[in-house]
């Protein structure tokens, strides 16, 4: 399945460890936002205004207690669909 085909509420996984690049409010640059393989849910989908072909996803990843964290902006290459993890 193509990540672009996913929609709000769909489950995804972090394709690699996602680290704050300095753009996340209330976080420090370099802070780990999601470990590789962490399960999350898409809560918003959009695109970069300057490049409408570049999709961005807001994903809430689970913490160690399986609670959903705050939304994190992710690129397609940051995410894997469930069948891509098998």
C-alpha atoms as a PDB file:
ATOM      1  CA  UNK A   1       0.000   0.000   0.000  1.00  0.00           C
ATOM      2  CA  UNK A   2       1.165   3.492  -0.844  1.00  0.00           C
ATOM      3  CA  UNK A   3       1.369   5.913   2.099  1.00  0.00           C
ATOM      4  CA  UNK A   4      -0.294   8.566  -0.123  1.00  0.00           C
ATOM      5  CA  UNK A   5      -3.427   6.372  -0.251  1.00  0.00           C
ATOM      6  CA  UNK A   6      -3.854   6.396   3.537  1.00  0.00           C
ATOM      7  CA  UNK A   7      -6.398   8.673   5.175  1.00  0.00           C
ATOM      8  CA  UNK A   8      -7.381  10.088   8.562  1.00  0.00           C
ATOM      9  CA  UNK A   9      -7.614   7.400  11.237  1.00  0.00           C
ATOM     10  CA  UNK A  10      -5.348   4.950   9.412  1.00  0.00           C
ATOM     11  CA  UNK A  11      -2.583   3.232  11.375  1.00  0.00           C
ATOM     12  CA  UNK A  12       1.042   3.806  10.372  1.00  0.00           C
ATOM     13  CA  UNK A  13       4.459   3.038  11.856  1.00  0.00           C
ATOM     14  CA  UNK A  14       7.589   5.167  12.146  1.00  0.00           C
ATOM     15  CA  UNK A  15       9.915   4.012   9.347  1.00  0.00           C
ATOM     16  CA  UNK A  16      12.927   5.243  11.328  1.00  0.00           C
ATOM     17  CA  UNK A  17      13.559   7.147  14.542  1.00  0.00           C
ATOM     18  CA  UNK A  18      11.955  10.572  14.114  1.00  0.00           C
ATOM     19  CA  UNK A  19      13.920  13.408  15.704  1.00  0.00           C
ATOM     20  CA  UNK A  20      12.878  17.046  16.213  1.00  0.00           C
ATOM     21  CA  UNK A  21      14.572  19.218  13.600  1.00  0.00           C
ATOM     22  CA  UNK A  22      13.863  22.304  15.696  1.00  0.00           C
ATOM     23  CA  UNK A  23      10.392  22.922  14.280  1.00  0.00           C
ATOM     24  CA  UNK A  24       8.321  21.264  17.035  1.00  0.00           C
ATOM     25  CA  UNK A  25       6.900  23.614  19.655  1.00  0.00           C
ATOM     26  CA  UNK A  26       7.693  22.659  23.258  1.00  0.00           C
ATOM     27  CA  UNK A  27      10.487  20.312  22.147  1.00  0.00           C
ATOM     28  CA  UNK A  28      14.218  20.682  21.852  1.00  0.00           C
ATOM     29  CA  UNK A  29      16.094  20.166  18.626  1.00  0.00           C
ATOM     30  CA  UNK A  30      17.428  16.609  18.544  1.00  0.00           C
ATOM     31  CA  UNK A  31      14.733  15.228  20.866  1.00  0.00           C
ATOM     32  CA  UNK A  32      13.432  11.795  19.823  1.00  0.00           C
ATOM     33  CA  UNK A  33       9.753  12.151  18.895  1.00  0.00           C
ATOM     34  CA  UNK A  34       9.090   8.530  17.843  1.00  0.00           C
ATOM     35  CA  UNK A  35      11.306   5.457  17.837  1.00  0.00           C
ATOM     36  CA  UNK A  36      11.528   3.299  14.708  1.00  0.00           C
ATOM     37  CA  UNK A  37       8.550   0.934  14.550  1.00  0.00           C
ATOM     38  CA  UNK A  38       6.325   2.981  16.868  1.00  0.00           C
ATOM     39  CA  UNK A  39       2.641   2.699  15.966  1.00  0.00           C
ATOM     40  CA  UNK A  40       0.663   5.857  15.263  1.00  0.00           C
ATOM     41  CA  UNK A  41      -2.539   7.145  13.709  1.00  0.00           C
ATOM     42  CA  UNK A  42      -2.930   9.786  10.985  1.00  0.00           C
ATOM     43  CA  UNK A  43      -4.895  12.762  12.341  1.00  0.00           C
ATOM     44  CA  UNK A  44      -4.413  15.213   9.463  1.00  0.00           C
ATOM     45  CA  UNK A  45      -3.133  15.116   5.903  1.00  0.00           C
ATOM     46  CA  UNK A  46      -2.015  18.033   3.776  1.00  0.00           C
ATOM     47  CA  UNK A  47       0.694  19.332   1.489  1.00  0.00           C
ATOM     48  CA  UNK A  48       3.465  21.883   1.470  1.00  0.00           C
ATOM     49  CA  UNK A  49       2.102  25.130   0.016  1.00  0.00           C
ATOM     50  CA  UNK A  50       5.296  25.862  -1.921  1.00  0.00           C
ATOM     51  CA  UNK A  51       5.310  22.311  -3.323  1.00  0.00           C
ATOM     52  CA  UNK A  52       1.761  20.885  -3.655  1.00  0.00           C
ATOM     53  CA  UNK A  53       3.230  17.528  -4.716  1.00  0.00           C
ATOM     54  CA  UNK A  54       4.897  17.122  -1.297  1.00  0.00           C
ATOM     55  CA  UNK A  55       2.488  15.583   1.240  1.00  0.00           C
ATOM     56  CA  UNK A  56       2.761  16.047   4.978  1.00  0.00           C
ATOM     57  CA  UNK A  57       0.972  13.969   7.598  1.00  0.00           C
ATOM     58  CA  UNK A  58       0.207  14.792  11.223  1.00  0.00           C
ATOM     59  CA  UNK A  59       0.583  11.580  13.188  1.00  0.00           C
ATOM     60  CA  UNK A  60      -0.020  10.850  16.855  1.00  0.00           C
ATOM     61  CA  UNK A  61       2.356   8.079  17.929  1.00  0.00           C
ATOM     62  CA  UNK A  62       1.841   5.836  20.945  1.00  0.00           C
ATOM     63  CA  UNK A  63       4.049   6.150  24.008  1.00  0.00           C
ATOM     64  CA  UNK A  64       5.229   3.198  26.127  1.00  0.00           C
ATOM     65  CA  UNK A  65       1.859   3.134  27.956  1.00  0.00           C
ATOM     66  CA  UNK A  66       0.025   3.052  24.574  1.00  0.00           C
ATOM     67  CA  UNK A  67      -1.306   6.603  25.002  1.00  0.00           C
ATOM     68  CA  UNK A  68      -1.356   8.766  21.892  1.00  0.00           C
ATOM     69  CA  UNK A  69       1.125  11.631  21.993  1.00  0.00           C
ATOM     70  CA  UNK A  70       0.849  15.062  20.454  1.00  0.00           C
ATOM     71  CA  UNK A  71       0.671  15.368  16.657  1.00  0.00           C
ATOM     72  CA  UNK A  72       3.995  15.221  14.823  1.00  0.00           C
ATOM     73  CA  UNK A  73       4.494  16.401  11.245  1.00  0.00           C
ATOM     74  CA  UNK A  74       5.846  13.565   9.093  1.00  0.00           C
ATOM     75  CA  UNK A  75       6.920  13.175   5.486  1.00  0.00           C
ATOM     76  CA  UNK A  76       5.999  10.091   3.453  1.00  0.00           C
ATOM     77  CA  UNK A  77       9.494   8.680   3.950  1.00  0.00           C
ATOM     78  CA  UNK A  78       9.014   8.851   7.748  1.00  0.00           C
ATOM     79  CA  UNK A  79       6.093   6.399   7.642  1.00  0.00           C
ATOM     80  CA  UNK A  80       5.337   2.753   6.875  1.00  0.00           C
ATOM     81  CA  UNK A  81       1.907   1.164   6.334  1.00  0.00           C
ATOM     82  CA  UNK A  82       1.121  -1.890   8.517  1.00  0.00           C
ATOM     83  CA  UNK A  83       1.689  -4.411   5.712  1.00  0.00           C
ATOM     84  CA  UNK A  84       5.111  -2.830   5.061  1.00  0.00           C
ATOM     85  CA  UNK A  85       6.213  -3.932   8.577  1.00  0.00           C
ATOM     86  CA  UNK A  86       5.505  -7.643   8.052  1.00  0.00           C
END
